[in-house]
Amino acid sequence: MTKVIERRTHGNGKWHEPGVPHDGWKCVGFVDLGEEQITCEMCDRQSVRYAHTMGHPDHPVTLTCGSKCAGRMEGEPAHAKWRERFSRNAAARRARWDSRHVSAKR
Protein backbone atom coordinates (compact mmCIF):
# COMPACT_ATOMS: atom_id res chain seq x y z
CA MET A 1 0.00 0.00 0.00
CA THR A 2 1.35 3.44 -0.95
CA LYS A 3 1.14 6.17 1.64
CA VAL A 4 -0.22 9.42 0.26
CA ILE A 5 0.82 12.60 2.01
CA GLU A 6 -1.73 15.36 1.69
CA ARG A 7 -0.65 18.95 1.84
CA ARG A 8 -3.10 21.11 3.73
CA THR A 9 -4.20 24.20 1.83
CA HIS A 10 -4.77 26.44 4.85
CA GLY A 11 -2.91 27.29 8.02
CA ASN A 12 0.52 26.36 6.71
CA GLY A 13 1.67 29.83 5.82
CA LYS A 14 5.03 30.24 4.18
CA TRP A 15 6.60 27.20 5.86
CA HIS A 16 5.30 25.13 2.94
CA GLU A 17 5.76 27.62 0.12
CA PRO A 18 8.52 26.75 -2.33
CA GLY A 19 11.34 29.27 -2.41
CA VAL A 20 10.84 30.56 1.14
CA PRO A 21 13.93 29.77 3.25
CA HIS A 22 13.34 28.07 6.60
CA ASP A 23 16.54 29.12 8.33
CA GLY A 24 19.24 31.76 8.10
CA TRP A 25 16.87 34.63 8.95
CA LYS A 26 17.94 37.57 11.13
CA CYS A 27 15.77 39.78 13.29
CA VAL A 28 15.92 43.28 11.82
CA GLY A 29 13.26 44.85 14.03
CA PHE A 30 11.10 44.23 17.06
CA VAL A 31 8.06 46.04 18.45
CA ASP A 32 5.50 45.51 21.22
CA LEU A 33 2.12 46.19 19.61
CA GLY A 34 0.45 46.46 23.03
CA GLU A 35 -2.05 43.71 22.23
CA GLU A 36 -2.42 40.87 19.77
CA GLN A 37 -3.14 42.77 16.57
CA ILE A 38 -1.74 40.78 13.67
CA THR A 39 -1.19 37.20 12.53
CA CYS A 40 2.29 35.76 12.00
CA GLU A 41 3.23 36.06 8.33
CA MET A 42 5.26 32.84 8.38
CA CYS A 43 2.71 30.38 9.82
CA ASP A 44 -0.53 32.35 9.28
CA ARG A 45 -1.78 31.00 12.63
CA GLN A 46 -0.16 32.65 15.65
CA SER A 47 -1.67 35.90 16.93
CA VAL A 48 1.14 38.37 17.47
CA ARG A 49 1.61 41.05 20.11
CA TYR A 50 5.42 41.07 20.10
CA ALA A 51 6.28 41.46 16.41
CA HIS A 52 9.68 40.20 15.23
CA THR A 53 10.56 41.57 11.78
CA MET A 54 12.68 38.94 10.06
CA GLY A 55 14.91 39.46 7.03
CA HIS A 56 16.78 37.00 4.83
CA PRO A 57 19.34 37.76 2.09
CA ASP A 58 17.65 35.29 -0.30
CA HIS A 59 14.09 36.51 0.29
CA PRO A 60 12.88 39.80 -1.23
CA VAL A 61 10.65 40.95 1.65
CA THR A 62 10.78 40.98 5.43
CA LEU A 63 8.19 39.01 7.39
CA THR A 64 6.55 40.03 10.65
CA CYS A 65 6.40 36.96 12.87
CA GLY A 66 5.59 35.70 16.33
CA SER A 67 8.20 34.34 18.71
CA LYS A 68 7.83 30.66 17.82
CA CYS A 69 8.39 31.19 14.10
CA ALA A 70 11.05 33.89 14.65
CA GLY A 71 13.06 31.56 16.91
CA ARG A 72 12.78 28.72 14.42
CA MET A 73 13.75 30.97 11.50
CA GLU A 74 16.82 32.28 13.36
CA GLY A 75 17.78 28.85 14.58
CA GLU A 76 17.90 30.28 18.12
CA PRO A 77 14.51 30.15 19.89
CA ALA A 78 16.10 31.66 23.01
CA HIS A 79 16.84 34.92 21.14
CA ALA A 80 13.18 35.49 20.29
CA LYS A 81 12.10 34.66 23.85
CA TRP A 82 14.74 37.05 25.23
CA ARG A 83 13.48 39.95 23.06
CA GLU A 84 9.93 39.40 24.31
CA ARG A 85 10.99 39.05 27.94
CA PHE A 86 13.12 42.22 27.74
CA SER A 87 10.21 44.16 26.23
CA ARG A 88 7.73 42.81 28.78
CA ASN A 89 10.04 43.68 31.69
CA ALA A 90 10.68 47.19 30.34
CA ALA A 91 6.92 47.83 30.08
CA ALA A 92 6.44 46.60 33.67
CA ARG A 93 9.24 48.90 34.90
CA ARG A 94 7.67 51.88 33.13
CA ALA A 95 4.27 51.10 34.64
CA ARG A 96 5.73 50.83 38.15
CA TRP A 97 7.69 54.06 37.71
CA ASP A 98 4.63 55.92 36.42
CA SER A 99 2.51 54.77 39.36
CA ARG A 100 5.12 55.94 41.91
CA HIS A 101 6.06 59.27 40.35
CA VAL A 102 2.98 61.43 40.19
CA SER A 103 3.55 64.84 38.66
CA ALA A 104 3.91 67.66 41.21
CA LYS A 105 2.15 70.05 38.83
CA ARG A 106 -1.61 69.98 39.10
PDB file of N, CA and C in Angstrom:
ATOM      1  N   MET A   1       0.842  -1.168   0.000  1.00  0.00           N
ATOM      2  CA  MET A   1       0.000   0.000   0.000  1.00  0.00           C
ATOM      3  C   MET A   1       0.890   1.235   0.000  1.00  0.00           C
ATOM      4  N   THR A   2       0.599   2.209  -0.845  1.00  0.00           N
ATOM      5  CA  THR A   2       1.354   3.441  -0.952  1.00  0.00           C
ATOM      6  C   THR A   2       0.754   4.491  -0.031  1.00  0.00           C
ATOM      7  N   LYS A   3       1.601   5.125   0.743  1.00  0.00           N
ATOM      8  CA  LYS A   3       1.138   6.167   1.644  1.00  0.00           C
ATOM      9  C   LYS A   3       1.096   7.499   0.898  1.00  0.00           C
ATOM     10  N   VAL A   4      -0.043   8.139   0.933  1.00  0.00           N
ATOM     11  CA  VAL A   4      -0.217   9.423   0.263  1.00  0.00           C
ATOM     12  C   VAL A   4      -0.166  10.514   1.320  1.00  0.00           C
ATOM     13  N   ILE A   5       0.699  11.468   1.088  1.00  0.00           N
ATOM     14  CA  ILE A   5       0.815  12.595   2.014  1.00  0.00           C
ATOM     15  C   ILE A   5       0.058  13.769   1.421  1.00  0.00           C
ATOM     16  N   GLU A   6      -0.941  14.226   2.162  1.00  0.00           N
ATOM     17  CA  GLU A   6      -1.729  15.360   1.694  1.00  0.00           C
ATOM     18  C   GLU A   6      -1.128  16.640   2.229  1.00  0.00           C
ATOM     19  N   ARG A   7      -1.100  17.638   1.405  1.00  0.00           N
ATOM     20  CA  ARG A   7      -0.653  18.954   1.838  1.00  0.00           C
ATOM     21  C   ARG A   7      -1.902  19.775   2.139  1.00  0.00           C
ATOM     22  N   ARG A   8      -1.965  20.282   3.361  1.00  0.00           N
ATOM     23  CA  ARG A   8      -3.098  21.110   3.728  1.00  0.00           C
ATOM     24  C   ARG A   8      -3.034  22.425   2.961  1.00  0.00           C
ATOM     25  N   THR A   9      -4.170  22.974   2.626  1.00  0.00           N
ATOM     26  CA  THR A   9      -4.204  24.201   1.835  1.00  0.00           C
ATOM     27  C   THR A   9      -4.413  25.437   2.690  1.00  0.00           C
ATOM     28  N   HIS A  10      -4.601  25.269   3.993  1.00  0.00           N
ATOM     29  CA  HIS A  10      -4.774  26.435   4.848  1.00  0.00           C
ATOM     30  C   HIS A  10      -3.975  26.246   6.133  1.00  0.00           C
ATOM     31  N   GLY A  11      -3.592  27.350   6.733  1.00  0.00           N
ATOM     32  CA  GLY A  11      -2.913  27.293   8.023  1.00  0.00           C
ATOM     33  C   GLY A  11      -1.437  26.940   7.973  1.00  0.00           C
ATOM     34  N   ASN A  12      -0.883  26.711   6.813  1.00  0.00           N
ATOM     35  CA  ASN A  12       0.525  26.356   6.714  1.00  0.00           C
ATOM     36  C   ASN A  12       1.421  27.557   6.534  1.00  0.00           C
ATOM     37  N   GLY A  13       0.883  28.630   6.041  1.00  0.00           N
ATOM     38  CA  GLY A  13       1.671  29.826   5.824  1.00  0.00           C
ATOM     39  C   GLY A  13       2.816  29.586   4.861  1.00  0.00           C
ATOM     40  N   LYS A  14       3.882  30.296   5.091  1.00  0.00           N
ATOM     41  CA  LYS A  14       5.034  30.241   4.185  1.00  0.00           C
ATOM     42  C   LYS A  14       5.980  29.091   4.483  1.00  0.00           C
ATOM     43  N   TRP A  15       5.745  28.347   5.572  1.00  0.00           N
ATOM     44  CA  TRP A  15       6.599  27.195   5.864  1.00  0.00           C
ATOM     45  C   TRP A  15       6.549  26.172   4.739  1.00  0.00           C
ATOM     46  N   HIS A  16       5.455  26.128   4.000  1.00  0.00           N
ATOM     47  CA  HIS A  16       5.300  25.131   2.943  1.00  0.00           C
ATOM     48  C   HIS A  16       5.306  25.723   1.544  1.00  0.00           C
ATOM     49  N   GLU A  17       5.669  27.002   1.438  1.00  0.00           N
ATOM     50  CA  GLU A  17       5.757  27.618   0.115  1.00  0.00           C
ATOM     51  C   GLU A  17       7.143  27.372  -0.466  1.00  0.00           C
ATOM     52  N   PRO A  18       7.205  26.945  -1.704  1.00  0.00           N
ATOM     53  CA  PRO A  18       8.518  26.754  -2.329  1.00  0.00           C
ATOM     54  C   PRO A  18       9.244  28.094  -2.471  1.00  0.00           C
ATOM     55  N   GLY A  19      10.531  28.068  -2.249  1.00  0.00           N
ATOM     56  CA  GLY A  19      11.342  29.271  -2.408  1.00  0.00           C
ATOM     57  C   GLY A  19      11.477  30.123  -1.163  1.00  0.00           C
ATOM     58  N   VAL A  20      10.727  29.797  -0.102  1.00  0.00           N
ATOM     59  CA  VAL A  20      10.842  30.561   1.142  1.00  0.00           C
ATOM     60  C   VAL A  20      11.818  29.815   2.058  1.00  0.00           C
ATOM     61  N   PRO A  21      12.953  30.447   2.397  1.00  0.00           N
ATOM     62  CA  PRO A  21      13.933  29.771   3.250  1.00  0.00           C
ATOM     63  C   PRO A  21      13.378  29.509   4.647  1.00  0.00           C
ATOM     64  N   HIS A  22      13.798  28.426   5.255  1.00  0.00           N
ATOM     65  CA  HIS A  22      13.339  28.069   6.602  1.00  0.00           C
ATOM     66  C   HIS A  22      14.313  28.490   7.683  1.00  0.00           C
ATOM     67  N   ASP A  23      15.563  28.705   7.334  1.00  0.00           N
ATOM     68  CA  ASP A  23      16.545  29.120   8.332  1.00  0.00           C
ATOM     69  C   ASP A  23      17.457  30.178   7.736  1.00  0.00           C
ATOM     70  N   GLY A  24      18.328  30.724   8.569  1.00  0.00           N
ATOM     71  CA  GLY A  24      19.242  31.761   8.105  1.00  0.00           C
ATOM     72  C   GLY A  24      18.658  33.163   8.167  1.00  0.00           C
ATOM     73  N   TRP A  25      17.502  33.321   8.798  1.00  0.00           N
ATOM     74  CA  TRP A  25      16.869  34.629   8.946  1.00  0.00           C
ATOM     75  C   TRP A  25      17.527  35.386  10.097  1.00  0.00           C
ATOM     76  N   LYS A  26      17.448  36.704  10.053  1.00  0.00           N
ATOM     77  CA  LYS A  26      17.936  37.571  11.128  1.00  0.00           C
ATOM     78  C   LYS A  26      16.812  38.512  11.525  1.00  0.00           C
ATOM     79  N   CYS A  27      16.754  38.816  12.809  1.00  0.00           N
ATOM     80  CA  CYS A  27      15.767  39.775  13.293  1.00  0.00           C
ATOM     81  C   CYS A  27      16.280  41.184  12.983  1.00  0.00           C
ATOM     82  N   VAL A  28      15.520  41.931  12.197  1.00  0.00           N
ATOM     83  CA  VAL A  28      15.922  43.285  11.819  1.00  0.00           C
ATOM     84  C   VAL A  28      15.067  44.344  12.500  1.00  0.00           C
ATOM     85  N   GLY A  29      14.107  43.919  13.305  1.00  0.00           N
ATOM     86  CA  GLY A  29      13.257  44.851  14.029  1.00  0.00           C
ATOM     87  C   GLY A  29      12.368  44.114  15.012  1.00  0.00           C
ATOM     88  N   PHE A  30      11.950  44.835  16.039  1.00  0.00           N
ATOM     89  CA  PHE A  30      11.095  44.232  17.060  1.00  0.00           C
ATOM     90  C   PHE A  30      10.230  45.334  17.644  1.00  0.00           C
ATOM     91  N   VAL A  31       8.947  45.046  17.862  1.00  0.00           N
ATOM     92  CA  VAL A  31       8.062  46.035  18.453  1.00  0.00           C
ATOM     93  C   VAL A  31       6.969  45.338  19.274  1.00  0.00           C
ATOM     94  N   ASP A  32       6.621  45.959  20.396  1.00  0.00           N
ATOM     95  CA  ASP A  32       5.496  45.511  21.221  1.00  0.00           C
ATOM     96  C   ASP A  32       4.274  46.269  20.725  1.00  0.00           C
ATOM     97  N   LEU A  33       3.324  45.565  20.160  1.00  0.00           N
ATOM     98  CA  LEU A  33       2.124  46.193  19.607  1.00  0.00           C
ATOM     99  C   LEU A  33       1.104  46.558  20.688  1.00  0.00           C
ATOM    100  N   GLY A  34       1.349  46.145  21.935  1.00  0.00           N
ATOM    101  CA  GLY A  34       0.449  46.461  23.031  1.00  0.00           C
ATOM    102  C   GLY A  34      -0.653  45.437  23.236  1.00  0.00           C
ATOM    103  N   GLU A  35      -1.057  44.794  22.181  1.00  0.00           N
ATOM    104  CA  GLU A  35      -2.051  43.715  22.234  1.00  0.00           C
ATOM    105  C   GLU A  35      -1.906  42.890  20.962  1.00  0.00           C
ATOM    106  N   GLU A  36      -2.501  41.727  20.954  1.00  0.00           N
ATOM    107  CA  GLU A  36      -2.422  40.866  19.773  1.00  0.00           C
ATOM    108  C   GLU A  36      -3.214  41.517  18.648  1.00  0.00           C
ATOM    109  N   GLN A  37      -2.493  42.016  17.647  1.00  0.00           N
ATOM    110  CA  GLN A  37      -3.139  42.770  16.574  1.00  0.00           C
ATOM    111  C   GLN A  37      -3.016  42.123  15.204  1.00  0.00           C
ATOM    112  N   ILE A  38      -1.986  41.332  15.000  1.00  0.00           N
ATOM    113  CA  ILE A  38      -1.736  40.781  13.668  1.00  0.00           C
ATOM    114  C   ILE A  38      -1.543  39.273  13.760  1.00  0.00           C
ATOM    115  N   THR A  39      -1.462  38.633  12.618  1.00  0.00           N
ATOM    116  CA  THR A  39      -1.186  37.204  12.533  1.00  0.00           C
ATOM    117  C   THR A  39       0.213  37.026  11.952  1.00  0.00           C
ATOM    118  N   CYS A  40       0.942  36.063  12.470  1.00  0.00           N
ATOM    119  CA  CYS A  40       2.294  35.758  12.003  1.00  0.00           C
ATOM    120  C   CYS A  40       2.274  35.524  10.492  1.00  0.00           C
ATOM    121  N   GLU A  41       3.180  36.194   9.783  1.00  0.00           N
ATOM    122  CA  GLU A  41       3.225  36.055   8.330  1.00  0.00           C
ATOM    123  C   GLU A  41       3.905  34.766   7.874  1.00  0.00           C
ATOM    124  N   MET A  42       4.591  34.086   8.776  1.00  0.00           N
ATOM    125  CA  MET A  42       5.257  32.842   8.379  1.00  0.00           C
ATOM    126  C   MET A  42       4.311  31.644   8.503  1.00  0.00           C
ATOM    127  N   CYS A  43       3.589  31.548   9.619  1.00  0.00           N
ATOM    128  CA  CYS A  43       2.712  30.385   9.817  1.00  0.00           C
ATOM    129  C   CYS A  43       1.240  30.677   9.532  1.00  0.00           C
ATOM    130  N   ASP A  44       0.871  31.938   9.483  1.00  0.00           N
ATOM    131  CA  ASP A  44      -0.527  32.352   9.281  1.00  0.00           C
ATOM    132  C   ASP A  44      -1.463  31.813  10.350  1.00  0.00           C
ATOM    133  N   ARG A  45      -0.937  31.525  11.545  1.00  0.00           N
ATOM    134  CA  ARG A  45      -1.776  30.996  12.625  1.00  0.00           C
ATOM    135  C   ARG A  45      -1.632  31.774  13.921  1.00  0.00           C
ATOM    136  N   GLN A  46      -0.404  32.069  14.341  1.00  0.00           N
ATOM    137  CA  GLN A  46      -0.159  32.650  15.651  1.00  0.00           C
ATOM    138  C   GLN A  46      -0.568  34.124  15.691  1.00  0.00           C
ATOM    139  N   SER A  47      -1.358  34.494  16.699  1.00  0.00           N
ATOM    140  CA  SER A  47      -1.665  35.903  16.934  1.00  0.00           C
ATOM    141  C   SER A  47      -0.430  36.541  17.543  1.00  0.00           C
ATOM    142  N   VAL A  48      -0.120  37.754  17.093  1.00  0.00           N
ATOM    143  CA  VAL A  48       1.143  38.370  17.474  1.00  0.00           C
ATOM    144  C   VAL A  48       0.921  39.680  18.209  1.00  0.00           C
ATOM    145  N   ARG A  49       1.506  39.781  19.395  1.00  0.00           N
ATOM    146  CA  ARG A  49       1.608  41.050  20.109  1.00  0.00           C
ATOM    147  C   ARG A  49       3.030  41.579  19.982  1.00  0.00           C
ATOM    148  N   TYR A  50       4.014  40.713  20.215  1.00  0.00           N
ATOM    149  CA  TYR A  50       5.418  41.073  20.097  1.00  0.00           C
ATOM    150  C   TYR A  50       5.871  40.694  18.690  1.00  0.00           C
ATOM    151  N   ALA A  51       6.016  41.689  17.823  1.00  0.00           N
ATOM    152  CA  ALA A  51       6.285  41.458  16.406  1.00  0.00           C
ATOM    153  C   ALA A  51       7.780  41.467  16.120  1.00  0.00           C
ATOM    154  N   HIS A  52       8.281  40.356  15.633  1.00  0.00           N
ATOM    155  CA  HIS A  52       9.678  40.202  15.234  1.00  0.00           C
ATOM    156  C   HIS A  52       9.716  40.370  13.711  1.00  0.00           C
ATOM    157  N   THR A  53      10.426  41.373  13.222  1.00  0.00           N
ATOM    158  CA  THR A  53      10.559  41.566  11.785  1.00  0.00           C
ATOM    159  C   THR A  53      11.804  40.819  11.336  1.00  0.00           C
ATOM    160  N   MET A  54      11.610  39.842  10.468  1.00  0.00           N
ATOM    161  CA  MET A  54      12.682  38.945  10.057  1.00  0.00           C
ATOM    162  C   MET A  54      13.078  39.210   8.608  1.00  0.00           C
ATOM    163  N   GLY A  55      14.390  39.253   8.381  1.00  0.00           N
ATOM    164  CA  GLY A  55      14.913  39.460   7.034  1.00  0.00           C
ATOM    165  C   GLY A  55      15.853  38.330   6.641  1.00  0.00           C
ATOM    166  N   HIS A  56      15.912  38.056   5.353  1.00  0.00           N
ATOM    167  CA  HIS A  56      16.785  37.002   4.831  1.00  0.00           C
ATOM    168  C   HIS A  56      17.393  37.501   3.522  1.00  0.00           C
ATOM    169  N   PRO A  57      18.700  37.268   3.318  1.00  0.00           N
ATOM    170  CA  PRO A  57      19.338  37.759   2.089  1.00  0.00           C
ATOM    171  C   PRO A  57      18.780  37.137   0.806  1.00  0.00           C
ATOM    172  N   ASP A  58      18.186  35.956   0.886  1.00  0.00           N
ATOM    173  CA  ASP A  58      17.653  35.291  -0.299  1.00  0.00           C
ATOM    174  C   ASP A  58      16.141  35.440  -0.451  1.00  0.00           C
ATOM    175  N   HIS A  59      15.533  36.301   0.375  1.00  0.00           N
ATOM    176  CA  HIS A  59      14.086  36.506   0.289  1.00  0.00           C
ATOM    177  C   HIS A  59      13.837  37.997   0.104  1.00  0.00           C
ATOM    178  N   PRO A  60      13.012  38.381  -0.866  1.00  0.00           N
ATOM    179  CA  PRO A  60      12.882  39.795  -1.229  1.00  0.00           C
ATOM    180  C   PRO A  60      12.186  40.690  -0.202  1.00  0.00           C
ATOM    181  N   VAL A  61      11.377  40.120   0.684  1.00  0.00           N
ATOM    182  CA  VAL A  61      10.647  40.953   1.647  1.00  0.00           C
ATOM    183  C   VAL A  61      10.879  40.457   3.068  1.00  0.00           C
ATOM    184  N   THR A  62      10.711  41.379   4.025  1.00  0.00           N
ATOM    185  CA  THR A  62      10.778  40.983   5.432  1.00  0.00           C
ATOM    186  C   THR A  62       9.422  40.422   5.841  1.00  0.00           C
ATOM    187  N   LEU A  63       9.418  39.598   6.869  1.00  0.00           N
ATOM    188  CA  LEU A  63       8.189  39.008   7.390  1.00  0.00           C
ATOM    189  C   LEU A  63       8.044  39.393   8.851  1.00  0.00           C
ATOM    190  N   THR A  64       6.835  39.735   9.261  1.00  0.00           N
ATOM    191  CA  THR A  64       6.547  40.030  10.654  1.00  0.00           C
ATOM    192  C   THR A  64       6.001  38.768  11.283  1.00  0.00           C
ATOM    193  N   CYS A  65       6.699  38.291  12.324  1.00  0.00           N
ATOM    194  CA  CYS A  65       6.403  36.964  12.869  1.00  0.00           C
ATOM    195  C   CYS A  65       6.251  36.992  14.385  1.00  0.00           C
ATOM    196  N   GLY A  66       5.664  35.928  14.900  1.00  0.00           N
ATOM    197  CA  GLY A  66       5.590  35.703  16.332  1.00  0.00           C
ATOM    198  C   GLY A  66       6.865  35.032  16.814  1.00  0.00           C
ATOM    199  N   SER A  67       6.957  34.839  18.118  1.00  0.00           N
ATOM    200  CA  SER A  67       8.202  34.339  18.710  1.00  0.00           C
ATOM    201  C   SER A  67       8.539  32.911  18.295  1.00  0.00           C
ATOM    202  N   LYS A  68       7.546  32.051  18.173  1.00  0.00           N
ATOM    203  CA  LYS A  68       7.834  30.656  17.817  1.00  0.00           C
ATOM    204  C   LYS A  68       8.455  30.563  16.429  1.00  0.00           C
ATOM    205  N   CYS A  69       7.845  31.230  15.460  1.00  0.00           N
ATOM    206  CA  CYS A  69       8.392  31.193  14.105  1.00  0.00           C
ATOM    207  C   CYS A  69       9.716  31.945  14.033  1.00  0.00           C
ATOM    208  N   ALA A  70       9.813  33.100  14.687  1.00  0.00           N
ATOM    209  CA  ALA A  70      11.052  33.885  14.654  1.00  0.00           C
ATOM    210  C   ALA A  70      12.221  33.073  15.209  1.00  0.00           C
ATOM    211  N   GLY A  71      12.004  32.385  16.322  1.00  0.00           N
ATOM    212  CA  GLY A  71      13.059  31.562  16.906  1.00  0.00           C
ATOM    213  C   GLY A  71      13.471  30.427  15.989  1.00  0.00           C
ATOM    214  N   ARG A  72      12.499  29.822  15.347  1.00  0.00           N
ATOM    215  CA  ARG A  72      12.777  28.723  14.419  1.00  0.00           C
ATOM    216  C   ARG A  72      13.513  29.225  13.177  1.00  0.00           C
ATOM    217  N   MET A  73      13.124  30.402  12.690  1.00  0.00           N
ATOM    218  CA  MET A  73      13.746  30.969  11.500  1.00  0.00           C
ATOM    219  C   MET A  73      15.198  31.372  11.771  1.00  0.00           C
ATOM    220  N   GLU A  74      15.457  31.885  12.967  1.00  0.00           N
ATOM    221  CA  GLU A  74      16.816  32.280  13.364  1.00  0.00           C
ATOM    222  C   GLU A  74      17.689  31.080  13.706  1.00  0.00           C
ATOM    223  N   GLY A  75      17.030  29.997  14.106  1.00  0.00           N
ATOM    224  CA  GLY A  75      17.779  28.845  14.582  1.00  0.00           C
ATOM    225  C   GLY A  75      18.153  28.985  16.045  1.00  0.00           C
ATOM    226  N   GLU A  76      17.628  30.011  16.711  1.00  0.00           N
ATOM    227  CA  GLU A  76      17.897  30.277  18.124  1.00  0.00           C
ATOM    228  C   GLU A  76      16.604  30.715  18.815  1.00  0.00           C
ATOM    229  N   PRO A  77      15.765  29.780  19.233  1.00  0.00           N
ATOM    230  CA  PRO A  77      14.507  30.153  19.886  1.00  0.00           C
ATOM    231  C   PRO A  77      14.711  31.026  21.127  1.00  0.00           C
ATOM    232  N   ALA A  78      15.835  30.871  21.801  1.00  0.00           N
ATOM    233  CA  ALA A  78      16.097  31.661  23.005  1.00  0.00           C
ATOM    234  C   ALA A  78      16.222  33.146  22.688  1.00  0.00           C
ATOM    235  N   HIS A  79      16.703  33.501  21.506  1.00  0.00           N
ATOM    236  CA  HIS A  79      16.838  34.917  21.140  1.00  0.00           C
ATOM    237  C   HIS A  79      15.475  35.584  21.055  1.00  0.00           C
ATOM    238  N   ALA A  80      14.521  34.929  20.426  1.00  0.00           N
ATOM    239  CA  ALA A  80      13.175  35.491  20.293  1.00  0.00           C
ATOM    240  C   ALA A  80      12.514  35.616  21.663  1.00  0.00           C
ATOM    241  N   LYS A  81      12.679  34.607  22.499  1.00  0.00           N
ATOM    242  CA  LYS A  81      12.104  34.664  23.847  1.00  0.00           C
ATOM    243  C   LYS A  81      12.734  35.786  24.658  1.00  0.00           C
ATOM    244  N   TRP A  82      14.047  35.992  24.497  1.00  0.00           N
ATOM    245  CA  TRP A  82      14.741  37.055  25.231  1.00  0.00           C
ATOM    246  C   TRP A  82      14.201  38.420  24.824  1.00  0.00           C
ATOM    247  N   ARG A  83      14.008  38.654  23.520  1.00  0.00           N
ATOM    248  CA  ARG A  83      13.477  39.948  23.063  1.00  0.00           C
ATOM    249  C   ARG A  83      12.116  40.227  23.688  1.00  0.00           C
ATOM    250  N   GLU A  84      11.251  39.219  23.721  1.00  0.00           N
ATOM    251  CA  GLU A  84       9.933  39.405  24.313  1.00  0.00           C
ATOM    252  C   GLU A  84      10.025  39.651  25.817  1.00  0.00           C
ATOM    253  N   ARG A  85      10.847  38.887  26.494  1.00  0.00           N
ATOM    254  CA  ARG A  85      10.993  39.050  27.944  1.00  0.00           C
ATOM    255  C   ARG A  85      11.542  40.440  28.272  1.00  0.00           C
ATOM    256  N   PHE A  86      12.539  40.895  27.520  1.00  0.00           N
ATOM    257  CA  PHE A  86      13.119  42.215  27.739  1.00  0.00           C
ATOM    258  C   PHE A  86      12.059  43.297  27.559  1.00  0.00           C
ATOM    259  N   SER A  87      11.261  43.183  26.499  1.00  0.00           N
ATOM    260  CA  SER A  87      10.214  44.160  26.231  1.00  0.00           C
ATOM    261  C   SER A  87       9.139  44.144  27.322  1.00  0.00           C
ATOM    262  N   ARG A  88       8.734  42.952  27.736  1.00  0.00           N
ATOM    263  CA  ARG A  88       7.725  42.810  28.783  1.00  0.00           C
ATOM    264  C   ARG A  88       8.218  43.410  30.097  1.00  0.00           C
ATOM    265  N   ASN A  89       9.479  43.143  30.457  1.00  0.00           N
ATOM    266  CA  ASN A  89      10.044  43.683  31.694  1.00  0.00           C
ATOM    267  C   ASN A  89      10.173  45.202  31.636  1.00  0.00           C
ATOM    268  N   ALA A  90      10.561  45.735  30.492  1.00  0.00           N
ATOM    269  CA  ALA A  90      10.682  47.187  30.341  1.00  0.00           C
ATOM    270  C   ALA A  90       9.322  47.860  30.510  1.00  0.00           C
ATOM    271  N   ALA A  91       8.273  47.273  29.941  1.00  0.00           N
ATOM    272  CA  ALA A  91       6.925  47.825  30.081  1.00  0.00           C
ATOM    273  C   ALA A  91       6.479  47.791  31.539  1.00  0.00           C
ATOM    274  N   ALA A  92       6.806  46.710  32.243  1.00  0.00           N
ATOM    275  CA  ALA A  92       6.438  46.603  33.666  1.00  0.00           C
ATOM    276  C   ALA A  92       7.187  47.645  34.489  1.00  0.00           C
ATOM    277  N   ARG A  93       8.471  47.875  34.176  1.00  0.00           N
ATOM    278  CA  ARG A  93       9.242  48.896  34.900  1.00  0.00           C
ATOM    279  C   ARG A  93       8.658  50.283  34.665  1.00  0.00           C
ATOM    280  N   ARG A  94       8.278  50.584  33.424  1.00  0.00           N
ATOM    281  CA  ARG A  94       7.667  51.884  33.126  1.00  0.00           C
ATOM    282  C   ARG A  94       6.368  52.059  33.898  1.00  0.00           C
ATOM    283  N   ALA A  95       5.553  51.015  33.937  1.00  0.00           N
ATOM    284  CA  ALA A  95       4.267  51.095  34.639  1.00  0.00           C
ATOM    285  C   ALA A  95       4.479  51.323  36.135  1.00  0.00           C
ATOM    286  N   ARG A  96       5.448  50.626  36.725  1.00  0.00           N
ATOM    287  CA  ARG A  96       5.730  50.828  38.152  1.00  0.00           C
ATOM    288  C   ARG A  96       6.247  52.236  38.412  1.00  0.00           C
ATOM    289  N   TRP A  97       7.127  52.725  37.540  1.00  0.00           N
ATOM    290  CA  TRP A  97       7.692  54.056  37.714  1.00  0.00           C
ATOM    291  C   TRP A  97       6.593  55.101  37.601  1.00  0.00           C
ATOM    292  N   ASP A  98       5.721  54.973  36.610  1.00  0.00           N
ATOM    293  CA  ASP A  98       4.631  55.925  36.417  1.00  0.00           C
ATOM    294  C   ASP A  98       3.695  55.957  37.622  1.00  0.00           C
ATOM    295  N   SER A  99       3.439  54.808  38.227  1.00  0.00           N
ATOM    296  CA  SER A  99       2.515  54.766  39.362  1.00  0.00           C
ATOM    297  C   SER A  99       3.130  55.369  40.623  1.00  0.00           C
ATOM    298  N   ARG A 100       4.445  55.387  40.730  1.00  0.00           N
ATOM    299  CA  ARG A 100       5.116  55.941  41.913  1.00  0.00           C
ATOM    300  C   ARG A 100       5.448  57.416  41.776  1.00  0.00           C
ATOM    301  N   HIS A 101       5.617  57.903  40.579  1.00  0.00           N
ATOM    302  CA  HIS A 101       6.061  59.272  40.347  1.00  0.00           C
ATOM    303  C   HIS A 101       4.925  60.092  39.752  1.00  0.00           C
ATOM    304  N   VAL A 102       4.098  60.604  40.614  1.00  0.00           N
ATOM    305  CA  VAL A 102       2.982  61.432  40.193  1.00  0.00           C
ATOM    306  C   VAL A 102       3.510  62.838  40.007  1.00  0.00           C
ATOM    307  N   SER A 103       3.087  63.493  38.963  1.00  0.00           N
ATOM    308  CA  SER A 103       3.551  64.837  38.664  1.00  0.00           C
ATOM    309  C   SER A 103       3.201  65.788  39.791  1.00  0.00           C
ATOM    310  N   ALA A 104       4.143  66.663  40.153  1.00  0.00           N
ATOM    311  CA  ALA A 104       3.912  67.655  41.210  1.00  0.00           C
ATOM    312  C   ALA A 104       3.037  68.796  40.708  1.00  0.00           C
ATOM    313  N   LYS A 105       2.993  69.000  39.409  1.00  0.00           N
ATOM    314  CA  LYS A 105       2.151  70.047  38.831  1.00  0.00           C
ATOM    315  C   LYS A 105       0.725  69.568  38.722  1.00  0.00           C
ATOM    316  N   ARG A 106      -0.194  70.368  39.183  1.00  0.00           N
ATOM    317  CA  ARG A 106      -1.612  69.985  39.097  1.00  0.00           C
ATOM    318  C   ARG A 106      -2.420  71.057  38.503  1.00  0.00           C
TER     319      ARG A 106
END
